[in-house]
Amino acid sequence: MESLGQFSSTVVGGRLPNDAIFISTSGPIPFDVTGSLGEASQRAGGVGAKMGTTTVGCCGEFHTANTLLKTYPQYLPSDIKWTDAIRPRGMTVIDMCDACKLTLGK
């Protein structure tokens, strides 16, 4: 649990065509990346690669996609519909980074 005054960098939600939803935050690269997402991340250099100031696999979109696609492996990263990513400490909308755009087919 986060203590008062500490926020995640971003929070974002995703929804699959079957209406499954998941909300996650940015953070360290997941230990176990699902196959279709790992394959798709190769378009951005692969999990752990640096793309500008972003490390592929650390964004909230990646964490959300990983959880959804582990649970519903019949879907692809490009099947996910996204909420805006929000930076909680200022409640500002953050654009999807180029690494996630490539990985998630946006």
PDB file of N, CA and C in Angstrom:
ATOM      1  N   MET A   1       0.839  -1.178   0.000  1.00  0.00           N
ATOM      2  CA  MET A   1       0.000   0.000   0.000  1.00  0.00           C
ATOM      3  C   MET A   1       0.882   1.238   0.000  1.00  0.00           C
ATOM      4  N   GLU A   2       0.467   2.235  -0.761  1.00  0.00           N
ATOM      5  CA  GLU A   2       1.244   3.463  -0.848  1.00  0.00           C
ATOM      6  C   GLU A   2       0.973   4.343   0.367  1.00  0.00           C
ATOM      7  N   SER A   3       2.029   4.960   0.862  1.00  0.00           N
ATOM      8  CA  SER A   3       1.838   5.870   1.980  1.00  0.00           C
ATOM      9  C   SER A   3       1.430   7.243   1.464  1.00  0.00           C
ATOM     10  N   LEU A   4       0.868   8.022   2.334  1.00  0.00           N
ATOM     11  CA  LEU A   4       0.435   9.366   1.977  1.00  0.00           C
ATOM     12  C   LEU A   4       1.598  10.133   1.379  1.00  0.00           C
ATOM     13  N   GLY A   5       1.365  10.770   0.235  1.00  0.00           N
ATOM     14  CA  GLY A   5       2.409  11.549  -0.413  1.00  0.00           C
ATOM     15  C   GLY A   5       3.193  10.771  -1.450  1.00  0.00           C
ATOM     16  N   GLN A   6       2.982   9.464  -1.573  1.00  0.00           N
ATOM     17  CA  GLN A   6       3.680   8.674  -2.582  1.00  0.00           C
ATOM     18  C   GLN A   6       2.656   8.148  -3.572  1.00  0.00           C
ATOM     19  N   PHE A   7       2.897   8.437  -4.848  1.00  0.00           N
ATOM     20  CA  PHE A   7       1.973   8.015  -5.890  1.00  0.00           C
ATOM     21  C   PHE A   7       2.722   7.243  -6.959  1.00  0.00           C
ATOM     22  N   SER A   8       2.011   6.381  -7.670  1.00  0.00           N
ATOM     23  CA  SER A   8       2.560   5.738  -8.856  1.00  0.00           C
ATOM     24  C   SER A   8       2.741   6.798  -9.930  1.00  0.00           C
ATOM     25  N   SER A   9       3.633   6.535 -10.865  1.00  0.00           N
ATOM     26  CA  SER A   9       3.840   7.484 -11.958  1.00  0.00           C
ATOM     27  C   SER A   9       2.594   7.617 -12.810  1.00  0.00           C
ATOM     28  N   THR A  10       1.998   6.485 -13.183  1.00  0.00           N
ATOM     29  CA  THR A  10       0.774   6.516 -13.982  1.00  0.00           C
ATOM     30  C   THR A  10      -0.147   5.370 -13.586  1.00  0.00           C
ATOM     31  N   VAL A  11      -1.431   5.580 -13.849  1.00  0.00           N
ATOM     32  CA  VAL A  11      -2.454   4.570 -13.655  1.00  0.00           C
ATOM     33  C   VAL A  11      -3.237   4.509 -14.963  1.00  0.00           C
ATOM     34  N   VAL A  12      -3.505   3.287 -15.457  1.00  0.00           N
ATOM     35  CA  VAL A  12      -4.214   3.139 -16.723  1.00  0.00           C
ATOM     36  C   VAL A  12      -5.043   1.862 -16.701  1.00  0.00           C
ATOM     37  N   GLY A  13      -6.143   1.870 -17.422  1.00  0.00           N
ATOM     38  CA  GLY A  13      -6.998   0.694 -17.511  1.00  0.00           C
ATOM     39  C   GLY A  13      -7.130   0.222 -18.943  1.00  0.00           C
ATOM     40  N   GLY A  14      -7.375  -1.082 -19.088  1.00  0.00           N
ATOM     41  CA  GLY A  14      -7.590  -1.667 -20.399  1.00  0.00           C
ATOM     42  C   GLY A  14      -8.796  -2.583 -20.364  1.00  0.00           C
ATOM     43  N   ARG A  15      -9.446  -2.732 -21.528  1.00  0.00           N
ATOM     44  CA  ARG A  15     -10.624  -3.595 -21.634  1.00  0.00           C
ATOM     45  C   ARG A  15     -10.514  -4.445 -22.891  1.00  0.00           C
ATOM     46  N   LEU A  16     -10.801  -5.723 -22.738  1.00  0.00           N
ATOM     47  CA  LEU A  16     -10.809  -6.649 -23.873  1.00  0.00           C
ATOM     48  C   LEU A  16     -12.204  -6.706 -24.495  1.00  0.00           C
ATOM     49  N   PRO A  17     -12.318  -7.254 -25.715  1.00  0.00           N
ATOM     50  CA  PRO A  17     -13.639  -7.373 -26.351  1.00  0.00           C
ATOM     51  C   PRO A  17     -14.658  -8.180 -25.536  1.00  0.00           C
ATOM     52  N   ASN A  18     -14.193  -9.052 -24.635  1.00  0.00           N
ATOM     53  CA  ASN A  18     -15.122  -9.815 -23.787  1.00  0.00           C
ATOM     54  C   ASN A  18     -15.532  -9.029 -22.538  1.00  0.00           C
ATOM     55  N   ASP A  19     -15.150  -7.756 -22.485  1.00  0.00           N
ATOM     56  CA  ASP A  19     -15.439  -6.823 -21.382  1.00  0.00           C
ATOM     57  C   ASP A  19     -14.635  -7.087 -20.119  1.00  0.00           C
ATOM     58  N   ALA A  20     -13.618  -7.946 -20.187  1.00  0.00           N
ATOM     59  CA  ALA A  20     -12.696  -8.092 -19.054  1.00  0.00           C
ATOM     60  C   ALA A  20     -11.893  -6.797 -18.950  1.00  0.00           C
ATOM     61  N   ILE A  21     -11.754  -6.303 -17.727  1.00  0.00           N
ATOM     62  CA  ILE A  21     -11.004  -5.072 -17.508  1.00  0.00           C
ATOM     63  C   ILE A  21      -9.924  -5.296 -16.460  1.00  0.00           C
ATOM     64  N   PHE A  22      -8.897  -4.470 -16.535  1.00  0.00           N
ATOM     65  CA  PHE A  22      -7.856  -4.482 -15.525  1.00  0.00           C
ATOM     66  C   PHE A  22      -7.261  -3.093 -15.468  1.00  0.00           C
ATOM     67  N   ILE A  23      -6.909  -2.657 -14.276  1.00  0.00           N
ATOM     68  CA  ILE A  23      -6.280  -1.362 -14.055  1.00  0.00           C
ATOM     69  C   ILE A  23      -4.942  -1.622 -13.386  1.00  0.00           C
ATOM     70  N   SER A  24      -3.900  -0.955 -13.862  1.00  0.00           N
ATOM     71  CA  SER A  24      -2.580  -1.163 -13.284  1.00  0.00           C
ATOM     72  C   SER A  24      -1.794   0.145 -13.285  1.00  0.00           C
ATOM     73  N   THR A  25      -0.632   0.066 -12.692  1.00  0.00           N
ATOM     74  CA  THR A  25       0.264   1.215 -12.608  1.00  0.00           C
ATOM     75  C   THR A  25       1.591   0.891 -13.291  1.00  0.00           C
ATOM     76  N   SER A  26       2.353   1.917 -13.539  1.00  0.00           N
ATOM     77  CA  SER A  26       3.710   1.702 -14.035  1.00  0.00           C
ATOM     78  C   SER A  26       4.545   1.114 -12.899  1.00  0.00           C
ATOM     79  N   GLY A  27       5.625   0.446 -13.257  1.00  0.00           N
ATOM     80  CA  GLY A  27       6.468  -0.176 -12.248  1.00  0.00           C
ATOM     81  C   GLY A  27       7.579  -0.978 -12.886  1.00  0.00           C
ATOM     82  N   PRO A  28       8.242  -1.815 -12.118  1.00  0.00           N
ATOM     83  CA  PRO A  28       9.334  -2.625 -12.666  1.00  0.00           C
ATOM     84  C   PRO A  28       8.820  -3.599 -13.731  1.00  0.00           C
ATOM     85  N   ILE A  29       9.709  -4.039 -14.576  1.00  0.00           N
ATOM     86  CA  ILE A  29       9.359  -5.020 -15.604  1.00  0.00           C
ATOM     87  C   ILE A  29       8.788  -6.257 -14.913  1.00  0.00           C
ATOM     88  N   PRO A  30       7.648  -6.768 -15.407  1.00  0.00           N
ATOM     89  CA  PRO A  30       7.089  -7.985 -14.809  1.00  0.00           C
ATOM     90  C   PRO A  30       8.050  -9.163 -14.955  1.00  0.00           C
ATOM     91  N   PHE A  31       8.077 -10.020 -13.957  1.00  0.00           N
ATOM     92  CA  PHE A  31       8.953 -11.192 -13.969  1.00  0.00           C
ATOM     93  C   PHE A  31       8.556 -12.160 -15.075  1.00  0.00           C
ATOM     94  N   ASP A  32       7.256 -12.352 -15.269  1.00  0.00           N
ATOM     95  CA  ASP A  32       6.742 -13.333 -16.216  1.00  0.00           C
ATOM     96  C   ASP A  32       5.877 -12.625 -17.251  1.00  0.00           C
ATOM     97  N   VAL A  33       6.422 -12.406 -18.450  1.00  0.00           N
ATOM     98  CA  VAL A  33       5.703 -11.712 -19.520  1.00  0.00           C
ATOM     99  C   VAL A  33       5.055 -12.753 -20.427  1.00  0.00           C
ATOM    100  N   THR A  34       3.760 -12.577 -20.686  1.00  0.00           N
ATOM    101  CA  THR A  34       3.027 -13.509 -21.532  1.00  0.00           C
ATOM    102  C   THR A  34       3.565 -13.505 -22.965  1.00  0.00           C
ATOM    103  N   GLY A  35       3.453 -14.652 -23.633  1.00  0.00           N
ATOM    104  CA  GLY A  35       4.045 -14.857 -24.950  1.00  0.00           C
ATOM    105  C   GLY A  35       3.696 -13.822 -25.997  1.00  0.00           C
ATOM    106  N   SER A  36       2.407 -13.536 -26.201  1.00  0.00           N
ATOM    107  CA  SER A  36       2.023 -12.608 -27.263  1.00  0.00           C
ATOM    108  C   SER A  36       2.522 -11.192 -26.981  1.00  0.00           C
ATOM    109  N   LEU A  37       2.569 -10.802 -25.730  1.00  0.00           N
ATOM    110  CA  LEU A  37       3.060  -9.468 -25.382  1.00  0.00           C
ATOM    111  C   LEU A  37       4.581  -9.405 -25.530  1.00  0.00           C
ATOM    112  N   GLY A  38       5.267 -10.457 -25.111  1.00  0.00           N
ATOM    113  CA  GLY A  38       6.716 -10.513 -25.297  1.00  0.00           C
ATOM    114  C   GLY A  38       7.094 -10.438 -26.762  1.00  0.00           C
ATOM    115  N   GLU A  39       6.359 -11.171 -27.594  1.00  0.00           N
ATOM    116  CA  GLU A  39       6.608 -11.135 -29.038  1.00  0.00           C
ATOM    117  C   GLU A  39       6.339  -9.746 -29.603  1.00  0.00           C
ATOM    118  N   ALA A  40       5.211  -9.144 -29.216  1.00  0.00           N
ATOM    119  CA  ALA A  40       4.854  -7.815 -29.709  1.00  0.00           C
ATOM    120  C   ALA A  40       5.864  -6.760 -29.266  1.00  0.00           C
ATOM    121  N   SER A  41       6.470  -6.956 -28.086  1.00  0.00           N
ATOM    122  CA  SER A  41       7.436  -5.969 -27.586  1.00  0.00           C
ATOM    123  C   SER A  41       8.707  -5.921 -28.436  1.00  0.00           C
ATOM    124  N   GLN A  42       8.934  -6.943 -29.249  1.00  0.00           N
ATOM    125  CA  GLN A  42      10.114  -6.949 -30.120  1.00  0.00           C
ATOM    126  C   GLN A  42      10.085  -5.778 -31.100  1.00  0.00           C
ATOM    127  N   ARG A  43       8.892  -5.281 -31.434  1.00  0.00           N
ATOM    128  CA  ARG A  43       8.788  -4.117 -32.333  1.00  0.00           C
ATOM    129  C   ARG A  43       9.415  -2.875 -31.701  1.00  0.00           C
ATOM    130  N   ALA A  44       9.507  -2.872 -30.364  1.00  0.00           N
ATOM    131  CA  ALA A  44      10.105  -1.734 -29.645  1.00  0.00           C
ATOM    132  C   ALA A  44      11.479  -2.097 -29.072  1.00  0.00           C
ATOM    133  N   GLY A  45      12.052  -3.208 -29.529  1.00  0.00           N
ATOM    134  CA  GLY A  45      13.382  -3.611 -29.066  1.00  0.00           C
ATOM    135  C   GLY A  45      13.369  -4.733 -28.056  1.00  0.00           C
ATOM    136  N   GLY A  46      12.191  -5.140 -27.579  1.00  0.00           N
ATOM    137  CA  GLY A  46      12.083  -6.234 -26.609  1.00  0.00           C
ATOM    138  C   GLY A  46      11.982  -5.730 -25.181  1.00  0.00           C
ATOM    139  N   VAL A  47      11.466  -6.587 -24.321  1.00  0.00           N
ATOM    140  CA  VAL A  47      11.296  -6.246 -22.907  1.00  0.00           C
ATOM    141  C   VAL A  47      12.656  -5.882 -22.313  1.00  0.00           C
ATOM    142  N   GLY A  48      12.712  -4.743 -21.646  1.00  0.00           N
ATOM    143  CA  GLY A  48      13.943  -4.265 -21.018  1.00  0.00           C
ATOM    144  C   GLY A  48      14.740  -3.313 -21.883  1.00  0.00           C
ATOM    145  N   ALA A  49      14.416  -3.227 -23.176  1.00  0.00           N
ATOM    146  CA  ALA A  49      15.137  -2.303 -24.068  1.00  0.00           C
ATOM    147  C   ALA A  49      14.773  -0.863 -23.724  1.00  0.00           C
ATOM    148  N   LYS A  50      15.690   0.038 -23.992  1.00  0.00           N
ATOM    149  CA  LYS A  50      15.437   1.468 -23.795  1.00  0.00           C
ATOM    150  C   LYS A  50      14.959   2.047 -25.108  1.00  0.00           C
ATOM    151  N   MET A  51      13.895   2.806 -25.052  1.00  0.00           N
ATOM    152  CA  MET A  51      13.389   3.538 -26.216  1.00  0.00           C
ATOM    153  C   MET A  51      13.195   4.976 -25.758  1.00  0.00           C
ATOM    154  N   GLY A  52      14.158   5.816 -26.063  1.00  0.00           N
ATOM    155  CA  GLY A  52      14.154   7.168 -25.522  1.00  0.00           C
ATOM    156  C   GLY A  52      14.388   7.095 -24.026  1.00  0.00           C
ATOM    157  N   THR A  53      13.482   7.676 -23.254  1.00  0.00           N
ATOM    158  CA  THR A  53      13.601   7.645 -21.792  1.00  0.00           C
ATOM    159  C   THR A  53      12.773   6.516 -21.174  1.00  0.00           C
ATOM    160  N   THR A  54      12.137   5.710 -22.017  1.00  0.00           N
ATOM    161  CA  THR A  54      11.251   4.643 -21.547  1.00  0.00           C
ATOM    162  C   THR A  54      11.942   3.291 -21.608  1.00  0.00           C
ATOM    163  N   THR A  55      11.732   2.468 -20.607  1.00  0.00           N
ATOM    164  CA  THR A  55      12.177   1.080 -20.633  1.00  0.00           C
ATOM    165  C   THR A  55      10.968   0.230 -20.998  1.00  0.00           C
ATOM    166  N   VAL A  56      11.089  -0.542 -22.060  1.00  0.00           N
ATOM    167  CA  VAL A  56       9.978  -1.383 -22.523  1.00  0.00           C
ATOM    168  C   VAL A  56       9.612  -2.382 -21.425  1.00  0.00           C
ATOM    169  N   GLY A  57       8.359  -2.357 -21.015  1.00  0.00           N
ATOM    170  CA  GLY A  57       7.860  -3.272 -19.993  1.00  0.00           C
ATOM    171  C   GLY A  57       7.537  -2.607 -18.672  1.00  0.00           C
ATOM    172  N   CYS A  58       7.889  -1.337 -18.506  1.00  0.00           N
ATOM    173  CA  CYS A  58       7.676  -0.658 -17.223  1.00  0.00           C
ATOM    174  C   CYS A  58       6.393   0.167 -17.159  1.00  0.00           C
ATOM    175  N   CYS A  59       5.785   0.427 -18.291  1.00  0.00           N
ATOM    176  CA  CYS A  59       4.610   1.302 -18.315  1.00  0.00           C
ATOM    177  C   CYS A  59       3.361   0.605 -17.775  1.00  0.00           C
ATOM    178  N   GLY A  60       2.428   1.405 -17.318  1.00  0.00           N
ATOM    179  CA  GLY A  60       1.157   0.874 -16.837  1.00  0.00           C
ATOM    180  C   GLY A  60       0.412   0.110 -17.919  1.00  0.00           C
ATOM    181  N   GLU A  61       0.506   0.567 -19.164  1.00  0.00           N
ATOM    182  CA  GLU A  61      -0.150  -0.133 -20.262  1.00  0.00           C
ATOM    183  C   GLU A  61       0.405  -1.551 -20.406  1.00  0.00           C
ATOM    184  N   PHE A  62       1.726  -1.683 -20.279  1.00  0.00           N
ATOM    185  CA  PHE A  62       2.357  -2.999 -20.407  1.00  0.00           C
ATOM    186  C   PHE A  62       1.894  -3.918 -19.277  1.00  0.00           C
ATOM    187  N   HIS A  63       1.864  -3.408 -18.056  1.00  0.00           N
ATOM    188  CA  HIS A  63       1.427  -4.208 -16.908  1.00  0.00           C
ATOM    189  C   HIS A  63      -0.036  -4.632 -17.056  1.00  0.00           C
ATOM    190  N   THR A  64      -0.876  -3.706 -17.506  1.00  0.00           N
ATOM    191  CA  THR A  64      -2.290  -4.020 -17.723  1.00  0.00           C
ATOM    192  C   THR A  64      -2.436  -5.084 -18.799  1.00  0.00           C
ATOM    193  N   ALA A  65      -1.755  -4.877 -19.938  1.00  0.00           N
ATOM    194  CA  ALA A  65      -1.828  -5.838 -21.040  1.00  0.00           C
ATOM    195  C   ALA A  65      -1.335  -7.211 -20.608  1.00  0.00           C
ATOM    196  N   ASN A  66      -0.256  -7.257 -19.849  1.00  0.00           N
ATOM    197  CA  ASN A  66       0.308  -8.535 -19.421  1.00  0.00           C
ATOM    198  C   ASN A  66      -0.706  -9.324 -18.582  1.00  0.00           C
ATOM    199  N   THR A  67      -1.358  -8.664 -17.650  1.00  0.00           N
ATOM    200  CA  THR A  67      -2.343  -9.342 -16.807  1.00  0.00           C
ATOM    201  C   THR A  67      -3.545  -9.810 -17.626  1.00  0.00           C
ATOM    202  N   LEU A  68      -4.068  -8.939 -18.483  1.00  0.00           N
ATOM    203  CA  LEU A  68      -5.221  -9.316 -19.296  1.00  0.00           C
ATOM    204  C   LEU A  68      -4.893 -10.486 -20.226  1.00  0.00           C
ATOM    205  N   LEU A  69      -3.725 -10.429 -20.877  1.00  0.00           N
ATOM    206  CA  LEU A  69      -3.384 -11.455 -21.866  1.00  0.00           C
ATOM    207  C   LEU A  69      -2.951 -12.774 -21.234  1.00  0.00           C
ATOM    208  N   LYS A  70      -2.496 -12.736 -19.992  1.00  0.00           N
ATOM    209  CA  LYS A  70      -2.229 -13.990 -19.270  1.00  0.00           C
ATOM    210  C   LYS A  70      -3.547 -14.691 -18.954  1.00  0.00           C
ATOM    211  N   THR A  71      -4.537 -13.902 -18.599  1.00  0.00           N
ATOM    212  CA  THR A  71      -5.838 -14.451 -18.233  1.00  0.00           C
ATOM    213  C   THR A  71      -6.639 -14.872 -19.462  1.00  0.00           C
ATOM    214  N   TYR A  72      -6.499 -14.128 -20.548  1.00  0.00           N
ATOM    215  CA  TYR A  72      -7.252 -14.379 -21.780  1.00  0.00           C
ATOM    216  C   TYR A  72      -6.281 -14.465 -22.961  1.00  0.00           C
ATOM    217  N   PRO A  73      -5.531 -15.556 -23.077  1.00  0.00           N
ATOM    218  CA  PRO A  73      -4.485 -15.664 -24.096  1.00  0.00           C
ATOM    219  C   PRO A  73      -4.998 -15.734 -25.532  1.00  0.00           C
ATOM    220  N   GLN A  74      -6.306 -15.861 -25.727  1.00  0.00           N
ATOM    221  CA  GLN A  74      -6.846 -15.887 -27.077  1.00  0.00           C
ATOM    222  C   GLN A  74      -6.829 -14.499 -27.734  1.00  0.00           C
ATOM    223  N   TYR A  75      -6.580 -13.456 -26.941  1.00  0.00           N
ATOM    224  CA  TYR A  75      -6.547 -12.096 -27.468  1.00  0.00           C
ATOM    225  C   TYR A  75      -5.109 -11.654 -27.741  1.00  0.00           C
ATOM    226  N   LEU A  76      -4.993 -10.584 -28.520  1.00  0.00           N
ATOM    227  CA  LEU A  76      -3.702  -9.981 -28.853  1.00  0.00           C
ATOM    228  C   LEU A  76      -3.588  -8.619 -28.180  1.00  0.00           C
ATOM    229  N   PRO A  77      -2.371  -8.102 -28.035  1.00  0.00           N
ATOM    230  CA  PRO A  77      -2.215  -6.771 -27.442  1.00  0.00           C
ATOM    231  C   PRO A  77      -3.036  -5.695 -28.157  1.00  0.00           C
ATOM    232  N   SER A  78      -3.167  -5.798 -29.460  1.00  0.00           N
ATOM    233  CA  SER A  78      -3.913  -4.791 -30.227  1.00  0.00           C
ATOM    234  C   SER A  78      -5.423  -4.857 -29.989  1.00  0.00           C
ATOM    235  N   ASP A  79      -5.926  -5.906 -29.327  1.00  0.00           N
ATOM    236  CA  ASP A  79      -7.356  -6.030 -29.028  1.00  0.00           C
ATOM    237  C   ASP A  79      -7.781  -5.179 -27.833  1.00  0.00           C
ATOM    238  N   ILE A  80      -6.831  -4.692 -27.066  1.00  0.00           N
ATOM    239  CA  ILE A  80      -7.152  -3.966 -25.829  1.00  0.00           C
ATOM    240  C   ILE A  80      -7.539  -2.523 -26.140  1.00  0.00           C
ATOM    241  N   LYS A  81      -8.623  -2.068 -25.526  1.00  0.00           N
ATOM    242  CA  LYS A  81      -9.057  -0.663 -25.584  1.00  0.00           C
ATOM    243  C   LYS A  81      -8.577  -0.001 -24.300  1.00  0.00           C
ATOM    244  N   TRP A  82      -8.085   1.225 -24.393  1.00  0.00           N
ATOM    245  CA  TRP A  82      -7.403   1.877 -23.272  1.00  0.00           C
ATOM    246  C   TRP A  82      -8.157   3.080 -22.720  1.00  0.00           C
ATOM    247  N   THR A  83      -8.040   3.264 -21.407  1.00  0.00           N
ATOM    248  CA  THR A  83      -8.424   4.533 -20.794  1.00  0.00           C
ATOM    249  C   THR A  83      -7.248   5.478 -20.977  1.00  0.00           C
ATOM    250  N   ASP A  84      -7.446   6.720 -20.646  1.00  0.00           N
ATOM    251  CA  ASP A  84      -6.306   7.630 -20.578  1.00  0.00           C
ATOM    252  C   ASP A  84      -5.413   7.195 -19.431  1.00  0.00           C
ATOM    253  N   ALA A  85      -4.130   7.372 -19.596  1.00  0.00           N
ATOM    254  CA  ALA A  85      -3.190   7.159 -18.490  1.00  0.00           C
ATOM    255  C   ALA A  85      -3.171   8.454 -17.677  1.00  0.00           C
ATOM    256  N   ILE A  86      -3.296   8.320 -16.367  1.00  0.00           N
ATOM    257  CA  ILE A  86      -3.361   9.480 -15.471  1.00  0.00           C
ATOM    258  C   ILE A  86      -2.155   9.472 -14.549  1.00  0.00           C
ATOM    259  N   ARG A  87      -1.544  10.639 -14.384  1.00  0.00           N
ATOM    260  CA  ARG A  87      -0.485  10.808 -13.382  1.00  0.00           C
ATOM    261  C   ARG A  87      -1.173  11.276 -12.099  1.00  0.00           C
ATOM    262  N   PRO A  88      -1.286  10.401 -11.085  1.00  0.00           N
ATOM    263  CA  PRO A  88      -2.069  10.720  -9.884  1.00  0.00           C
ATOM    264  C   PRO A  88      -1.632  11.974  -9.130  1.00  0.00           C
ATOM    265  N   ARG A  89      -0.347  12.236  -9.054  1.00  0.00           N
ATOM    266  CA  ARG A  89       0.081  13.367  -8.214  1.00  0.00           C
ATOM    267  C   ARG A  89      -0.385  14.706  -8.753  1.00  0.00           C
ATOM    268  N   GLY A  90      -0.704  14.801 -10.049  1.00  0.00           N
ATOM    269  CA  GLY A  90      -1.215  16.057 -10.596  1.00  0.00           C
ATOM    270  C   GLY A  90      -2.513  15.887 -11.350  1.00  0.00           C
ATOM    271  N   MET A  91      -2.994  14.616 -11.412  1.00  0.00           N
ATOM    272  CA  MET A  91      -4.216  14.277 -12.143  1.00  0.00           C
ATOM    273  C   MET A  91      -4.155  14.742 -13.603  1.00  0.00           C
ATOM    274  N   THR A  92      -2.987  14.595 -14.220  1.00  0.00           N
ATOM    275  CA  THR A  92      -2.820  14.963 -15.618  1.00  0.00           C
ATOM    276  C   THR A  92      -2.835  13.721 -16.495  1.00  0.00           C
ATOM    277  N   VAL A  93      -3.321  13.890 -17.718  1.00  0.00           N
ATOM    278  CA  VAL A  93      -3.352  12.808 -18.694  1.00  0.00           C
ATOM    279  C   VAL A  93      -1.974  12.712 -19.340  1.00  0.00           C
ATOM    280  N   ILE A  94      -1.465  11.474 -19.434  1.00  0.00           N
ATOM    281  CA  ILE A  94      -0.157  11.206 -20.019  1.00  0.00           C
ATOM    282  C   ILE A  94      -0.369  10.433 -21.318  1.00  0.00           C
ATOM    283  N   ASP A  95       0.219  10.924 -22.399  1.00  0.00           N
ATOM    284  CA  ASP A  95       0.118  10.224 -23.676  1.00  0.00           C
ATOM    285  C   ASP A  95       0.837   8.886 -23.622  1.00  0.00           C
ATOM    286  N   MET A  96       0.334   7.920 -24.384  1.00  0.00           N
ATOM    287  CA  MET A  96       0.988   6.624 -24.501  1.00  0.00           C
ATOM    288  C   MET A  96       2.362   6.828 -25.147  1.00  0.00           C
ATOM    289  N   CYS A  97       3.377   6.213 -24.569  1.00  0.00           N
ATOM    290  CA  CYS A  97       4.737   6.368 -25.089  1.00  0.00           C
ATOM    291  C   CYS A  97       4.893   5.604 -26.411  1.00  0.00           C
ATOM    292  N   ASP A  98       5.940   5.935 -27.141  1.00  0.00           N
ATOM    293  CA  ASP A  98       6.191   5.295 -28.441  1.00  0.00           C
ATOM    294  C   ASP A  98       6.418   3.790 -28.299  1.00  0.00           C
ATOM    295  N   ALA A  99       7.078   3.361 -27.225  1.00  0.00           N
ATOM    296  CA  ALA A  99       7.313   1.922 -27.024  1.00  0.00           C
ATOM    297  C   ALA A  99       5.985   1.182 -26.877  1.00  0.00           C
ATOM    298  N   CYS A 100       5.056   1.738 -26.114  1.00  0.00           N
ATOM    299  CA  CYS A 100       3.745   1.089 -25.945  1.00  0.00           C
ATOM    300  C   CYS A 100       2.940   1.149 -27.234  1.00  0.00           C
ATOM    301  N   LYS A 101       3.041   2.244 -27.964  1.00  0.00           N
ATOM    302  CA  LYS A 101       2.328   2.339 -29.246  1.00  0.00           C
ATOM    303  C   LYS A 101       2.783   1.232 -30.183  1.00  0.00           C
ATOM    304  N   LEU A 102       4.081   0.990 -30.234  1.00  0.00           N
ATOM    305  CA  LEU A 102       4.601  -0.088 -31.093  1.00  0.00           C
ATOM    306  C   LEU A 102       4.208  -1.459 -30.569  1.00  0.00           C
ATOM    307  N   THR A 103       4.386  -1.664 -29.280  1.00  0.00           N
ATOM    308  CA  THR A 103       4.106  -2.965 -28.666  1.00  0.00           C
ATOM    309  C   THR A 103       2.627  -3.316 -28.735  1.00  0.00           C
ATOM    310  N   LEU A 104       1.773  -2.336 -28.489  1.00  0.00           N
ATOM    311  CA  LEU A 104       0.343  -2.592 -28.371  1.00  0.00           C
ATOM    312  C   LEU A 104      -0.427  -2.349 -29.663  1.00  0.00           C
ATOM    313  N   GLY A 105       0.292  -2.004 -30.729  1.00  0.00           N
ATOM    314  CA  GLY A 105      -0.356  -1.843 -32.026  1.00  0.00           C
ATOM    315  C   GLY A 105      -1.244  -0.626 -32.133  1.00  0.00           C
ATOM    316  N   LYS A 106      -0.842   0.473 -31.510  1.00  0.00           N
ATOM    317  CA  LYS A 106      -1.648   1.693 -31.536  1.00  0.00           C
ATOM    318  C   LYS A 106      -1.054   2.726 -32.456  1.00  0.00           C
TER     319      LYS A 106
END
